Amino acid sequence: MTMAPARRLPLLFRPLLLSKNLLPNPNPNPSSLLPLLLSSPSPSPPHRPPSPLPLRFSNSRLFSASPSSSSKIVLVGSAEEFDNSLKRVEDEKLPAIFYFTAAWCGPCRFISPVIEKMGGKFPHVTTYKIDIDQEGLGSILNKLKIYSVPTLHFFQNGQKATEIVGADVQKLEATMENLYKLD
């Protein structure tokens, strides 16, 4: 009877076992470690302080992620709300950002605090946050050619001035400085 060659322990489990001093040999036979893996308690997740809850007001769905922030972010929850927001920005020639995002998007989560911070620096600019996974937005997304997130459309004087696709912090900050800086 021939023996199968010894396999290396998957890298995933090595730090756990080494940190618990349960792994004397850094490259043991995985089958000998099965009892250790099954009996070892899983490490507890790191403690995270509770995040502040968003504040929502009636139909405008205006919120701020932090109580001290003066930025204006409006959650757009439907195609009708998007159309109304876009029409208002165009008709009233308002400075605005349309921020297309998704809950599952890592780069979106990365850039959201930067958008919040820049919104505080430019309180006269309203950011409309649109979750692309909302029902009924498919035709609007196709019409606007939103193929990836995060995508930001910047409006100045009621017209789309530029857009950014991706989580480029430097480009976001420079664009907002150029478009929205008050003299």
N, C-alpha and C. Protein backbone atom coordinates (compact mmCIF):
# COMPACT_ATOMS: atom_id res chain seq x y z
N MET A 1 0.85 -1.17 0.00
CA MET A 1 0.00 0.00 0.00
C MET A 1 0.89 1.23 0.00
N THR A 2 0.61 2.14 -0.92
CA THR A 2 1.43 3.35 -1.01
C THR A 2 0.78 4.47 -0.21
N MET A 3 1.60 5.31 0.37
CA MET A 3 1.11 6.44 1.17
C MET A 3 1.00 7.67 0.26
N ALA A 4 -0.01 8.42 0.46
CA ALA A 4 -0.15 9.68 -0.28
C ALA A 4 0.88 10.67 0.24
N PRO A 5 1.39 11.51 -0.64
CA PRO A 5 2.37 12.50 -0.17
C PRO A 5 1.73 13.45 0.83
N ALA A 6 2.51 13.88 1.79
CA ALA A 6 2.01 14.81 2.81
C ALA A 6 1.68 16.14 2.15
N ARG A 7 0.56 16.72 2.55
CA ARG A 7 0.17 18.02 2.02
C ARG A 7 0.51 19.09 3.05
N ARG A 8 0.70 20.28 2.56
CA ARG A 8 0.98 21.41 3.46
C ARG A 8 -0.33 21.92 4.05
N LEU A 9 -0.26 22.42 5.24
CA LEU A 9 -1.42 23.01 5.90
C LEU A 9 -1.80 24.29 5.18
N PRO A 10 -3.05 24.48 4.85
CA PRO A 10 -3.44 25.73 4.19
C PRO A 10 -3.00 26.95 5.00
N LEU A 11 -2.53 27.96 4.29
CA LEU A 11 -2.02 29.16 4.94
C LEU A 11 -3.06 29.82 5.84
N LEU A 12 -4.31 29.63 5.52
CA LEU A 12 -5.38 30.24 6.28
C LEU A 12 -5.33 29.85 7.77
N PHE A 13 -4.99 28.57 8.06
CA PHE A 13 -5.04 28.08 9.43
C PHE A 13 -3.74 28.26 10.19
N ARG A 14 -2.63 28.49 9.52
CA ARG A 14 -1.34 28.59 10.21
C ARG A 14 -1.29 29.71 11.24
N PRO A 15 -1.71 30.95 10.91
CA PRO A 15 -1.61 32.00 11.91
C PRO A 15 -2.42 31.71 13.17
N LEU A 16 -3.62 31.13 13.01
CA LEU A 16 -4.46 30.81 14.14
C LEU A 16 -3.77 29.82 15.06
N LEU A 17 -3.25 28.75 14.49
CA LEU A 17 -2.61 27.72 15.30
C LEU A 17 -1.29 28.19 15.88
N LEU A 18 -0.50 28.93 15.12
CA LEU A 18 0.76 29.45 15.64
C LEU A 18 0.51 30.43 16.78
N SER A 19 -0.51 31.27 16.65
CA SER A 19 -0.80 32.25 17.70
C SER A 19 -1.26 31.58 18.98
N LYS A 20 -1.82 30.40 18.90
CA LYS A 20 -2.27 29.69 20.09
C LYS A 20 -1.22 28.68 20.58
N ASN A 21 -0.04 28.73 19.99
CA ASN A 21 1.04 27.79 20.32
C ASN A 21 0.59 26.35 20.17
N LEU A 22 -0.26 26.10 19.24
CA LEU A 22 -0.74 24.74 18.98
C LEU A 22 -0.01 24.11 17.81
N LEU A 23 0.88 24.85 17.18
CA LEU A 23 1.53 24.37 15.99
C LEU A 23 3.04 24.44 16.18
N PRO A 24 3.65 23.34 16.68
CA PRO A 24 5.09 23.37 16.91
C PRO A 24 5.88 23.39 15.60
N ASN A 25 5.34 22.75 14.56
CA ASN A 25 6.01 22.68 13.27
C ASN A 25 5.24 23.55 12.29
N PRO A 26 5.89 24.53 11.64
CA PRO A 26 5.14 25.40 10.74
C PRO A 26 4.57 24.72 9.50
N ASN A 27 5.04 23.51 9.16
CA ASN A 27 4.55 22.80 7.98
C ASN A 27 4.12 21.38 8.35
N PRO A 28 3.15 21.22 9.22
CA PRO A 28 2.74 19.87 9.63
C PRO A 28 1.83 19.22 8.60
N ASN A 29 1.59 17.94 8.81
CA ASN A 29 0.64 17.19 8.00
C ASN A 29 -0.76 17.64 8.40
N PRO A 30 -1.57 18.11 7.46
CA PRO A 30 -2.89 18.64 7.81
C PRO A 30 -3.80 17.65 8.52
N SER A 31 -3.70 16.37 8.18
CA SER A 31 -4.60 15.41 8.81
C SER A 31 -4.33 15.29 10.31
N SER A 32 -3.10 15.54 10.76
CA SER A 32 -2.82 15.46 12.19
C SER A 32 -3.35 16.67 12.94
N LEU A 33 -3.70 17.73 12.23
CA LEU A 33 -4.18 18.95 12.88
C LEU A 33 -5.69 19.07 12.91
N LEU A 34 -6.39 18.16 12.24
CA LEU A 34 -7.83 18.24 12.20
C LEU A 34 -8.45 18.31 13.60
N PRO A 35 -8.03 17.48 14.55
CA PRO A 35 -8.62 17.60 15.89
C PRO A 35 -8.36 18.98 16.51
N LEU A 36 -7.19 19.56 16.27
CA LEU A 36 -6.89 20.88 16.82
C LEU A 36 -7.79 21.95 16.22
N LEU A 37 -8.00 21.86 14.92
CA LEU A 37 -8.83 22.86 14.26
C LEU A 37 -10.27 22.77 14.71
N LEU A 38 -10.74 21.57 14.91
CA LEU A 38 -12.13 21.39 15.32
C LEU A 38 -12.36 21.78 16.77
N SER A 39 -11.35 21.63 17.62
CA SER A 39 -11.53 21.92 19.04
C SER A 39 -11.15 23.35 19.41
N SER A 40 -10.42 24.05 18.55
CA SER A 40 -9.99 25.41 18.86
C SER A 40 -11.16 26.37 18.74
N PRO A 41 -11.35 27.20 19.75
CA PRO A 41 -12.40 28.21 19.61
C PRO A 41 -11.98 29.23 18.57
N SER A 42 -12.97 29.70 17.83
CA SER A 42 -12.65 30.69 16.80
C SER A 42 -12.34 32.02 17.48
N PRO A 43 -11.41 32.78 16.92
CA PRO A 43 -11.08 34.05 17.54
C PRO A 43 -12.26 35.01 17.44
N SER A 44 -12.42 35.82 18.49
CA SER A 44 -13.54 36.76 18.46
C SER A 44 -13.20 37.92 17.53
N PRO A 45 -14.22 38.46 16.87
CA PRO A 45 -13.96 39.57 15.96
C PRO A 45 -13.52 40.80 16.76
N PRO A 46 -12.76 41.68 16.13
CA PRO A 46 -12.34 42.88 16.85
C PRO A 46 -13.53 43.74 17.21
N HIS A 47 -13.43 44.43 18.33
CA HIS A 47 -14.52 45.29 18.77
C HIS A 47 -14.60 46.51 17.87
N ARG A 48 -15.80 46.81 17.40
CA ARG A 48 -16.03 48.00 16.61
C ARG A 48 -17.03 48.88 17.34
N PRO A 49 -16.70 50.14 17.50
CA PRO A 49 -17.68 51.02 18.15
C PRO A 49 -18.90 51.17 17.27
N PRO A 50 -20.06 51.37 17.87
CA PRO A 50 -21.27 51.52 17.05
C PRO A 50 -21.16 52.76 16.18
N SER A 51 -21.62 52.62 14.93
CA SER A 51 -21.59 53.77 14.04
C SER A 51 -22.82 54.62 14.29
N PRO A 52 -22.68 55.94 14.11
CA PRO A 52 -23.85 56.79 14.30
C PRO A 52 -24.92 56.46 13.28
N LEU A 53 -26.16 56.50 13.70
CA LEU A 53 -27.26 56.19 12.80
C LEU A 53 -27.54 57.37 11.89
N PRO A 54 -27.91 57.08 10.64
CA PRO A 54 -28.27 58.19 9.75
C PRO A 54 -29.55 58.85 10.22
N LEU A 55 -29.63 60.13 10.03
CA LEU A 55 -30.82 60.88 10.39
C LEU A 55 -31.65 61.08 9.14
N ARG A 56 -32.93 60.77 9.20
CA ARG A 56 -33.79 60.92 8.03
C ARG A 56 -34.94 61.84 8.38
N PHE A 57 -35.32 62.66 7.43
CA PHE A 57 -36.40 63.60 7.63
C PHE A 57 -37.43 63.44 6.54
N SER A 58 -38.63 63.17 6.91
CA SER A 58 -39.81 63.07 6.04
C SER A 58 -39.49 62.59 4.63
N ASN A 59 -40.04 63.26 3.63
CA ASN A 59 -39.90 62.80 2.26
C ASN A 59 -38.58 63.16 1.62
N SER A 60 -37.86 64.14 2.17
CA SER A 60 -36.63 64.57 1.51
C SER A 60 -35.51 63.55 1.67
N ARG A 61 -35.62 62.71 2.67
CA ARG A 61 -34.64 61.66 2.93
C ARG A 61 -33.23 62.24 3.08
N LEU A 62 -33.15 63.45 3.61
CA LEU A 62 -31.88 64.09 3.86
C LEU A 62 -31.27 63.43 5.08
N PHE A 63 -29.98 63.16 5.03
CA PHE A 63 -29.36 62.58 6.20
C PHE A 63 -27.92 63.03 6.29
N SER A 64 -27.38 62.82 7.47
CA SER A 64 -25.97 63.10 7.70
C SER A 64 -25.43 61.92 8.48
N ALA A 65 -24.29 61.39 8.06
CA ALA A 65 -23.72 60.22 8.71
C ALA A 65 -23.10 60.57 10.04
N SER A 66 -22.77 61.82 10.28
CA SER A 66 -22.23 62.22 11.56
C SER A 66 -22.97 63.47 12.04
N PRO A 67 -23.22 63.54 13.35
CA PRO A 67 -24.02 64.64 13.87
C PRO A 67 -23.38 66.01 13.65
N SER A 68 -22.05 66.09 13.58
CA SER A 68 -21.40 67.38 13.47
C SER A 68 -21.22 67.83 12.02
N SER A 69 -21.58 67.00 11.08
CA SER A 69 -21.36 67.31 9.67
C SER A 69 -22.42 68.27 9.15
N SER A 70 -22.00 69.16 8.24
CA SER A 70 -22.96 70.08 7.64
C SER A 70 -23.22 69.73 6.18
N SER A 71 -22.79 68.56 5.75
CA SER A 71 -22.99 68.18 4.36
C SER A 71 -24.45 67.80 4.13
N LYS A 72 -24.89 67.96 2.89
CA LYS A 72 -26.26 67.60 2.52
C LYS A 72 -26.19 66.40 1.60
N ILE A 73 -26.69 65.28 2.07
CA ILE A 73 -26.76 64.07 1.27
C ILE A 73 -28.22 63.62 1.25
N VAL A 74 -28.73 63.42 0.06
CA VAL A 74 -30.11 63.00 -0.12
C VAL A 74 -30.10 61.59 -0.69
N LEU A 75 -30.77 60.68 0.01
CA LEU A 75 -30.90 59.31 -0.48
C LEU A 75 -32.01 59.27 -1.52
N VAL A 76 -31.68 58.78 -2.70
CA VAL A 76 -32.66 58.67 -3.77
C VAL A 76 -33.10 57.21 -3.83
N GLY A 77 -34.38 56.98 -3.57
CA GLY A 77 -34.87 55.62 -3.44
C GLY A 77 -35.67 55.07 -4.60
N SER A 78 -35.90 55.87 -5.62
CA SER A 78 -36.70 55.38 -6.75
C SER A 78 -36.35 56.16 -8.01
N ALA A 79 -36.80 55.65 -9.13
CA ALA A 79 -36.58 56.32 -10.41
C ALA A 79 -37.29 57.67 -10.41
N GLU A 80 -38.46 57.73 -9.83
CA GLU A 80 -39.21 58.99 -9.78
C GLU A 80 -38.46 60.04 -8.96
N GLU A 81 -37.92 59.64 -7.80
CA GLU A 81 -37.14 60.56 -6.98
C GLU A 81 -35.90 61.03 -7.74
N PHE A 82 -35.27 60.13 -8.49
CA PHE A 82 -34.10 60.52 -9.27
C PHE A 82 -34.48 61.55 -10.32
N ASP A 83 -35.54 61.27 -11.06
CA ASP A 83 -35.99 62.20 -12.11
C ASP A 83 -36.31 63.57 -11.53
N ASN A 84 -37.02 63.59 -10.39
CA ASN A 84 -37.37 64.87 -9.74
C ASN A 84 -36.13 65.62 -9.28
N SER A 85 -35.16 64.90 -8.72
CA SER A 85 -33.93 65.53 -8.25
C SER A 85 -33.14 66.10 -9.41
N LEU A 86 -33.00 65.34 -10.47
CA LEU A 86 -32.25 65.80 -11.64
C LEU A 86 -32.94 67.01 -12.27
N LYS A 87 -34.26 66.96 -12.39
CA LYS A 87 -35.01 68.09 -12.96
C LYS A 87 -34.81 69.35 -12.11
N ARG A 88 -34.85 69.19 -10.80
CA ARG A 88 -34.66 70.34 -9.90
C ARG A 88 -33.27 70.94 -10.06
N VAL A 89 -32.25 70.09 -10.11
CA VAL A 89 -30.87 70.56 -10.27
C VAL A 89 -30.73 71.31 -11.59
N GLU A 90 -31.29 70.75 -12.65
CA GLU A 90 -31.18 71.39 -13.97
C GLU A 90 -31.98 72.69 -14.05
N ASP A 91 -33.23 72.67 -13.56
CA ASP A 91 -34.09 73.85 -13.65
C ASP A 91 -33.61 75.00 -12.77
N GLU A 92 -33.15 74.68 -11.57
CA GLU A 92 -32.73 75.73 -10.64
C GLU A 92 -31.24 76.02 -10.73
N LYS A 93 -30.56 75.34 -11.66
CA LYS A 93 -29.12 75.54 -11.90
C LYS A 93 -28.31 75.39 -10.60
N LEU A 94 -28.58 74.29 -9.90
CA LEU A 94 -27.95 74.04 -8.61
C LEU A 94 -26.64 73.27 -8.75
N PRO A 95 -25.68 73.53 -7.87
CA PRO A 95 -24.49 72.68 -7.82
C PRO A 95 -24.88 71.37 -7.13
N ALA A 96 -24.51 70.25 -7.71
CA ALA A 96 -24.92 68.96 -7.16
C ALA A 96 -23.98 67.85 -7.62
N ILE A 97 -24.01 66.78 -6.84
CA ILE A 97 -23.28 65.56 -7.19
C ILE A 97 -24.28 64.42 -7.16
N PHE A 98 -24.31 63.63 -8.21
CA PHE A 98 -25.10 62.40 -8.22
C PHE A 98 -24.12 61.25 -8.04
N TYR A 99 -24.22 60.60 -6.88
CA TYR A 99 -23.26 59.56 -6.45
C TYR A 99 -23.93 58.20 -6.59
N PHE A 100 -23.49 57.43 -7.60
CA PHE A 100 -24.04 56.10 -7.85
C PHE A 100 -23.18 55.08 -7.11
N THR A 101 -23.82 54.29 -6.27
CA THR A 101 -23.11 53.41 -5.36
C THR A 101 -23.85 52.09 -5.21
N ALA A 102 -23.28 51.18 -4.41
CA ALA A 102 -23.94 49.91 -4.08
C ALA A 102 -23.45 49.46 -2.71
N ALA A 103 -24.31 48.81 -1.97
CA ALA A 103 -23.96 48.36 -0.63
C ALA A 103 -22.82 47.35 -0.63
N TRP A 104 -22.71 46.54 -1.68
CA TRP A 104 -21.70 45.49 -1.75
C TRP A 104 -20.37 46.00 -2.28
N CYS A 105 -20.28 47.26 -2.67
CA CYS A 105 -19.10 47.81 -3.35
C CYS A 105 -18.06 48.30 -2.36
N GLY A 106 -16.90 47.64 -2.32
CA GLY A 106 -15.80 48.03 -1.44
C GLY A 106 -15.27 49.43 -1.72
N PRO A 107 -14.96 49.76 -2.98
CA PRO A 107 -14.49 51.12 -3.26
C PRO A 107 -15.52 52.20 -2.88
N CYS A 108 -16.81 51.88 -2.98
CA CYS A 108 -17.85 52.84 -2.57
C CYS A 108 -17.78 53.09 -1.07
N ARG A 109 -17.60 52.02 -0.30
CA ARG A 109 -17.47 52.18 1.15
C ARG A 109 -16.21 52.96 1.50
N PHE A 110 -15.16 52.80 0.70
CA PHE A 110 -13.91 53.51 0.92
C PHE A 110 -14.07 55.02 0.68
N ILE A 111 -14.78 55.39 -0.36
CA ILE A 111 -14.85 56.80 -0.74
C ILE A 111 -16.01 57.54 -0.06
N SER A 112 -16.97 56.85 0.50
CA SER A 112 -18.12 57.51 1.14
C SER A 112 -17.72 58.51 2.23
N PRO A 113 -16.79 58.18 3.13
CA PRO A 113 -16.40 59.18 4.14
C PRO A 113 -15.74 60.41 3.53
N VAL A 114 -15.05 60.23 2.43
CA VAL A 114 -14.41 61.36 1.75
C VAL A 114 -15.48 62.27 1.15
N ILE A 115 -16.50 61.68 0.56
CA ILE A 115 -17.62 62.46 0.01
C ILE A 115 -18.30 63.23 1.14
N GLU A 116 -18.50 62.57 2.27
CA GLU A 116 -19.11 63.21 3.44
C GLU A 116 -18.25 64.39 3.91
N LYS A 117 -16.95 64.19 3.99
CA LYS A 117 -16.04 65.25 4.43
C LYS A 117 -16.06 66.42 3.45
N MET A 118 -15.99 66.13 2.17
CA MET A 118 -15.99 67.19 1.16
C MET A 118 -17.34 67.90 1.13
N GLY A 119 -18.41 67.18 1.42
CA GLY A 119 -19.72 67.80 1.50
C GLY A 119 -19.78 68.81 2.63
N GLY A 120 -19.08 68.52 3.74
CA GLY A 120 -19.00 69.48 4.83
C GLY A 120 -18.21 70.72 4.46
N LYS A 121 -17.22 70.54 3.59
CA LYS A 121 -16.40 71.67 3.13
C LYS A 121 -17.16 72.54 2.13
N PHE A 122 -18.10 71.93 1.41
CA PHE A 122 -18.91 72.64 0.41
C PHE A 122 -20.38 72.43 0.72
N PRO A 123 -20.89 73.06 1.78
CA PRO A 123 -22.27 72.80 2.21
C PRO A 123 -23.33 73.29 1.22
N HIS A 124 -22.97 74.12 0.27
CA HIS A 124 -23.93 74.60 -0.72
C HIS A 124 -24.16 73.57 -1.83
N VAL A 125 -23.41 72.46 -1.81
CA VAL A 125 -23.53 71.41 -2.82
C VAL A 125 -24.31 70.24 -2.22
N THR A 126 -25.36 69.82 -2.90
CA THR A 126 -26.15 68.68 -2.44
C THR A 126 -25.66 67.43 -3.17
N THR A 127 -25.46 66.36 -2.40
CA THR A 127 -25.08 65.07 -2.97
C THR A 127 -26.30 64.17 -2.97
N TYR A 128 -26.63 63.64 -4.13
CA TYR A 128 -27.74 62.70 -4.27
C TYR A 128 -27.14 61.31 -4.38
N LYS A 129 -27.41 60.49 -3.37
CA LYS A 129 -26.83 59.15 -3.29
C LYS A 129 -27.83 58.14 -3.84
N ILE A 130 -27.41 57.43 -4.90
CA ILE A 130 -28.30 56.50 -5.58
C ILE A 130 -27.72 55.09 -5.50
N ASP A 131 -28.45 54.18 -4.86
CA ASP A 131 -28.04 52.78 -4.80
C ASP A 131 -28.50 52.12 -6.10
N ILE A 132 -27.54 51.63 -6.88
CA ILE A 132 -27.87 51.10 -8.21
C ILE A 132 -28.71 49.83 -8.15
N ASP A 133 -28.79 49.20 -7.00
CA ASP A 133 -29.56 47.97 -6.87
C ASP A 133 -31.04 48.21 -6.54
N GLN A 134 -31.45 49.47 -6.48
CA GLN A 134 -32.86 49.80 -6.23
C GLN A 134 -33.71 49.36 -7.42
N GLU A 135 -34.93 48.93 -7.12
CA GLU A 135 -35.87 48.54 -8.17
C GLU A 135 -36.17 49.72 -9.09
N GLY A 136 -36.27 49.45 -10.37
CA GLY A 136 -36.73 50.44 -11.32
C GLY A 136 -35.68 51.42 -11.83
N LEU A 137 -34.43 51.29 -11.41
CA LEU A 137 -33.40 52.23 -11.86
C LEU A 137 -32.65 51.76 -13.09
N GLY A 138 -32.91 50.55 -13.56
CA GLY A 138 -32.16 49.97 -14.67
C GLY A 138 -32.14 50.83 -15.92
N SER A 139 -33.30 51.35 -16.32
CA SER A 139 -33.35 52.16 -17.55
C SER A 139 -32.59 53.47 -17.38
N ILE A 140 -32.67 54.06 -16.20
CA ILE A 140 -31.94 55.31 -15.94
C ILE A 140 -30.44 55.05 -15.97
N LEU A 141 -30.02 53.97 -15.34
CA LEU A 141 -28.59 53.64 -15.33
C LEU A 141 -28.07 53.39 -16.74
N ASN A 142 -28.85 52.71 -17.55
CA ASN A 142 -28.44 52.48 -18.95
C ASN A 142 -28.37 53.79 -19.72
N LYS A 143 -29.38 54.65 -19.54
CA LYS A 143 -29.42 55.93 -20.24
C LYS A 143 -28.21 56.80 -19.87
N LEU A 144 -27.82 56.76 -18.59
CA LEU A 144 -26.69 57.57 -18.11
C LEU A 144 -25.35 56.87 -18.29
N LYS A 145 -25.39 55.63 -18.79
CA LYS A 145 -24.18 54.82 -19.02
C LYS A 145 -23.40 54.60 -17.72
N ILE A 146 -24.13 54.21 -16.67
CA ILE A 146 -23.51 53.86 -15.40
C ILE A 146 -23.22 52.36 -15.46
N TYR A 147 -21.96 52.03 -15.70
CA TYR A 147 -21.57 50.63 -15.85
C TYR A 147 -20.74 50.12 -14.68
N SER A 148 -20.25 51.01 -13.84
CA SER A 148 -19.49 50.60 -12.67
C SER A 148 -19.69 51.60 -11.55
N VAL A 149 -19.43 51.16 -10.34
CA VAL A 149 -19.56 52.01 -9.17
C VAL A 149 -18.25 52.00 -8.40
N PRO A 150 -17.94 53.06 -7.70
CA PRO A 150 -18.69 54.30 -7.62
C PRO A 150 -18.53 55.13 -8.89
N THR A 151 -19.60 55.82 -9.26
CA THR A 151 -19.58 56.81 -10.33
C THR A 151 -20.20 58.08 -9.78
N LEU A 152 -19.54 59.19 -10.01
CA LEU A 152 -20.02 60.49 -9.53
C LEU A 152 -20.20 61.42 -10.72
N HIS A 153 -21.39 62.01 -10.82
CA HIS A 153 -21.68 63.01 -11.84
C HIS A 153 -21.75 64.36 -11.14
N PHE A 154 -20.94 65.31 -11.60
CA PHE A 154 -20.86 66.63 -11.00
C PHE A 154 -21.63 67.63 -11.86
N PHE A 155 -22.55 68.35 -11.23
CA PHE A 155 -23.35 69.35 -11.93
C PHE A 155 -22.98 70.74 -11.44
N GLN A 156 -22.85 71.65 -12.38
CA GLN A 156 -22.59 73.05 -12.10
C GLN A 156 -23.47 73.87 -13.03
N ASN A 157 -24.18 74.85 -12.49
CA ASN A 157 -25.10 75.69 -13.28
C ASN A 157 -26.14 74.86 -14.03
N GLY A 158 -26.59 73.79 -13.40
CA GLY A 158 -27.65 72.97 -13.99
C GLY A 158 -27.20 72.01 -15.08
N GLN A 159 -25.92 71.97 -15.38
CA GLN A 159 -25.40 71.09 -16.43
C GLN A 159 -24.36 70.13 -15.85
N LYS A 160 -24.30 68.94 -16.42
CA LYS A 160 -23.26 68.00 -16.01
C LYS A 160 -21.91 68.55 -16.47
N ALA A 161 -21.02 68.78 -15.50
CA ALA A 161 -19.71 69.36 -15.80
C ALA A 161 -18.66 68.28 -16.04
N THR A 162 -18.71 67.23 -15.24
CA THR A 162 -17.73 66.15 -15.38
C THR A 162 -18.22 64.93 -14.61
N GLU A 163 -17.46 63.86 -14.71
CA GLU A 163 -17.78 62.66 -13.94
C GLU A 163 -16.49 61.97 -13.52
N ILE A 164 -16.60 61.20 -12.47
CA ILE A 164 -15.48 60.38 -12.00
C ILE A 164 -16.01 58.96 -11.85
N VAL A 165 -15.29 58.01 -12.40
CA VAL A 165 -15.62 56.59 -12.22
C VAL A 165 -14.49 55.98 -11.40
N GLY A 166 -14.84 55.39 -10.26
CA GLY A 166 -13.83 54.80 -9.39
C GLY A 166 -13.65 55.63 -8.13
N ALA A 167 -12.85 55.09 -7.22
CA ALA A 167 -12.64 55.71 -5.91
C ALA A 167 -11.33 56.47 -5.86
N ASP A 168 -11.20 57.47 -6.72
CA ASP A 168 -9.99 58.28 -6.79
C ASP A 168 -10.16 59.51 -5.90
N VAL A 169 -9.61 59.45 -4.69
CA VAL A 169 -9.80 60.50 -3.69
C VAL A 169 -9.20 61.82 -4.17
N GLN A 170 -8.00 61.78 -4.70
CA GLN A 170 -7.35 63.01 -5.16
C GLN A 170 -8.15 63.68 -6.27
N LYS A 171 -8.64 62.89 -7.19
CA LYS A 171 -9.44 63.45 -8.29
C LYS A 171 -10.76 64.03 -7.76
N LEU A 172 -11.37 63.35 -6.80
CA LEU A 172 -12.61 63.84 -6.19
C LEU A 172 -12.37 65.19 -5.53
N GLU A 173 -11.33 65.28 -4.71
CA GLU A 173 -11.04 66.53 -4.01
C GLU A 173 -10.72 67.65 -4.99
N ALA A 174 -9.90 67.37 -6.01
CA ALA A 174 -9.54 68.39 -6.99
C ALA A 174 -10.77 68.85 -7.78
N THR A 175 -11.62 67.92 -8.16
CA THR A 175 -12.82 68.27 -8.93
C THR A 175 -13.74 69.16 -8.11
N MET A 176 -13.96 68.81 -6.86
CA MET A 176 -14.83 69.62 -6.02
C MET A 176 -14.23 71.00 -5.77
N GLU A 177 -12.93 71.07 -5.56
CA GLU A 177 -12.26 72.37 -5.38
C GLU A 177 -12.44 73.23 -6.63
N ASN A 178 -12.23 72.65 -7.80
CA ASN A 178 -12.33 73.41 -9.05
C ASN A 178 -13.75 73.87 -9.35
N LEU A 179 -14.73 73.00 -9.11
CA LEU A 179 -16.11 73.32 -9.48
C LEU A 179 -16.86 74.15 -8.44
N TYR A 180 -16.64 73.86 -7.17
CA TYR A 180 -17.54 74.37 -6.15
C TYR A 180 -16.94 75.37 -5.17
N LYS A 181 -15.68 75.73 -5.35
CA LYS A 181 -15.05 76.67 -4.44
C LYS A 181 -15.71 78.04 -4.60
N LEU A 182 -16.15 78.59 -3.46
CA LEU A 182 -16.77 79.91 -3.49
C LEU A 182 -15.67 80.95 -3.39
N ASP A 183 -15.78 82.00 -4.18
CA ASP A 183 -14.76 83.05 -4.15
C ASP A 183 -14.93 83.99 -2.99
